[in-house]
Amino acid sequence: MKNDLTSMSDDPMSKPLMRVREGALIGGVCGGIAKWLGWDPTLVRLGYVILSVLSAAFPGILVYIVLWILMPREPA
């Protein structure tokens, strides 16, 4: 049986949500979400673009800008 502390540290969602510095294309928001979820950043970016296009782009752009402002940047 695993210790609860070790299983918690293996969970990617136990880490804080932060924008990435390395591999950021615009503001690091999609890369940060991908890292937090443990997913491929390309899939998150593709999903973001598809959702933005399907929602007439404006809500997607607005959400990205808000997340860019609110999400802290990963330490150097």
C-alpha atoms as a PDB file:
ATOM      1  CA  MET A   1       0.000   0.000   0.000  1.00  0.00           C
ATOM      2  CA  LYS A   2       1.367   3.412  -0.995  1.00  0.00           C
ATOM      3  CA  ASN A   3       1.926   6.192   1.470  1.00  0.00           C
ATOM      4  CA  ASP A   4      -0.606   9.007   0.956  1.00  0.00           C
ATOM      5  CA  LEU A   5       2.167  11.619   0.758  1.00  0.00           C
ATOM      6  CA  THR A   6       4.012   9.841  -2.060  1.00  0.00           C
ATOM      7  CA  SER A   7       0.853   9.244  -4.064  1.00  0.00           C
ATOM      8  CA  MET A   8      -0.069  12.920  -3.669  1.00  0.00           C
ATOM      9  CA  SER A   9       3.308  14.086  -5.008  1.00  0.00           C
ATOM     10  CA  ASP A  10       2.897  11.837  -8.067  1.00  0.00           C
ATOM     11  CA  ASP A  11      -0.370  13.574  -8.929  1.00  0.00           C
ATOM     12  CA  PRO A  12       0.342  16.366 -11.455  1.00  0.00           C
ATOM     13  CA  MET A  13      -2.706  18.330 -10.267  1.00  0.00           C
ATOM     14  CA  SER A  14      -1.240  18.620  -6.755  1.00  0.00           C
ATOM     15  CA  LYS A  15       1.241  21.181  -8.127  1.00  0.00           C
ATOM     16  CA  PRO A  16       0.187  24.834  -8.543  1.00  0.00           C
ATOM     17  CA  LEU A  17      -1.057  25.981 -11.951  1.00  0.00           C
ATOM     18  CA  MET A  18       1.640  28.222 -13.496  1.00  0.00           C
ATOM     19  CA  ARG A  19       2.542  29.549 -16.916  1.00  0.00           C
ATOM     20  CA  VAL A  20       5.608  27.849 -18.365  1.00  0.00           C
ATOM     21  CA  ARG A  21       8.789  29.654 -19.296  1.00  0.00           C
ATOM     22  CA  GLU A  22      10.340  26.976 -21.498  1.00  0.00           C
ATOM     23  CA  GLY A  23       8.309  26.012 -24.542  1.00  0.00           C
ATOM     24  CA  ALA A  24       5.880  28.925 -24.304  1.00  0.00           C
ATOM     25  CA  LEU A  25       4.540  30.051 -27.672  1.00  0.00           C
ATOM     26  CA  ILE A  26       2.686  33.207 -26.627  1.00  0.00           C
ATOM     27  CA  GLY A  27       2.199  33.563 -22.889  1.00  0.00           C
ATOM     28  CA  GLY A  28       2.789  30.026 -21.652  1.00  0.00           C
ATOM     29  CA  VAL A  29      -0.856  29.551 -20.605  1.00  0.00           C
ATOM     30  CA  CYS A  30      -1.646  26.431 -22.666  1.00  0.00           C
ATOM     31  CA  GLY A  31       1.774  24.973 -21.863  1.00  0.00           C
ATOM     32  CA  GLY A  32       1.167  25.575 -18.156  1.00  0.00           C
ATOM     33  CA  ILE A  33      -2.260  23.945 -18.290  1.00  0.00           C
ATOM     34  CA  ALA A  34      -0.778  20.972 -20.162  1.00  0.00           C
ATOM     35  CA  LYS A  35       2.022  20.587 -17.620  1.00  0.00           C
ATOM     36  CA  TRP A  36      -0.466  20.835 -14.728  1.00  0.00           C
ATOM     37  CA  LEU A  37      -2.707  18.158 -16.269  1.00  0.00           C
ATOM     38  CA  GLY A  38       0.203  15.994 -17.422  1.00  0.00           C
ATOM     39  CA  TRP A  39      -0.890  16.244 -21.075  1.00  0.00           C
ATOM     40  CA  ASP A  40       0.938  17.025 -24.308  1.00  0.00           C
ATOM     41  CA  PRO A  41       1.076  20.825 -24.816  1.00  0.00           C
ATOM     42  CA  THR A  42       0.295  20.446 -28.522  1.00  0.00           C
ATOM     43  CA  LEU A  43      -3.022  18.752 -27.718  1.00  0.00           C
ATOM     44  CA  VAL A  44      -3.976  21.490 -25.258  1.00  0.00           C
ATOM     45  CA  ARG A  45      -3.100  24.194 -27.791  1.00  0.00           C
ATOM     46  CA  LEU A  46      -5.040  22.406 -30.527  1.00  0.00           C
ATOM     47  CA  GLY A  47      -8.040  22.011 -28.217  1.00  0.00           C
ATOM     48  CA  TYR A  48      -7.867  25.699 -27.328  1.00  0.00           C
ATOM     49  CA  VAL A  49      -7.804  26.738 -30.994  1.00  0.00           C
ATOM     50  CA  ILE A  50     -10.726  24.448 -31.879  1.00  0.00           C
ATOM     51  CA  LEU A  51     -12.817  25.701 -28.953  1.00  0.00           C
ATOM     52  CA  SER A  52     -11.962  29.311 -29.788  1.00  0.00           C
ATOM     53  CA  VAL A  53     -12.954  28.921 -33.429  1.00  0.00           C
ATOM     54  CA  LEU A  54     -16.205  27.172 -32.497  1.00  0.00           C
ATOM     55  CA  SER A  55     -17.074  29.951 -30.037  1.00  0.00           C
ATOM     56  CA  ALA A  56     -16.476  32.778 -32.550  1.00  0.00           C
ATOM     57  CA  ALA A  57     -12.922  33.346 -31.168  1.00  0.00           C
ATOM     58  CA  PHE A  58     -13.736  36.268 -28.856  1.00  0.00           C
ATOM     59  CA  PRO A  59     -14.459  34.263 -25.636  1.00  0.00           C
ATOM     60  CA  GLY A  60     -11.364  32.133 -26.208  1.00  0.00           C
ATOM     61  CA  ILE A  61      -9.131  35.166 -26.637  1.00  0.00           C
ATOM     62  CA  LEU A  62     -10.648  36.837 -23.581  1.00  0.00           C
ATOM     63  CA  VAL A  63     -10.165  33.723 -21.416  1.00  0.00           C
ATOM     64  CA  TYR A  64      -6.547  33.411 -22.599  1.00  0.00           C
ATOM     65  CA  ILE A  65      -5.796  37.041 -21.711  1.00  0.00           C
ATOM     66  CA  VAL A  66      -7.419  36.692 -18.275  1.00  0.00           C
ATOM     67  CA  LEU A  67      -5.434  33.493 -17.575  1.00  0.00           C
ATOM     68  CA  TRP A  68      -2.253  35.185 -18.820  1.00  0.00           C
ATOM     69  CA  ILE A  69      -2.790  37.935 -16.243  1.00  0.00           C
ATOM     70  CA  LEU A  70      -3.938  35.712 -13.356  1.00  0.00           C
ATOM     71  CA  MET A  71      -1.615  32.692 -13.682  1.00  0.00           C
ATOM     72  CA  PRO A  72       1.766  33.212 -12.036  1.00  0.00           C
ATOM     73  CA  ARG A  73       4.866  32.568 -14.121  1.00  0.00           C
ATOM     74  CA  GLU A  74       6.978  29.511 -13.351  1.00  0.00           C
ATOM     75  CA  PRO A  75      10.150  30.412 -11.413  1.00  0.00           C
ATOM     76  CA  ALA A  76      13.344  30.579 -13.453  1.00  0.00           C
END
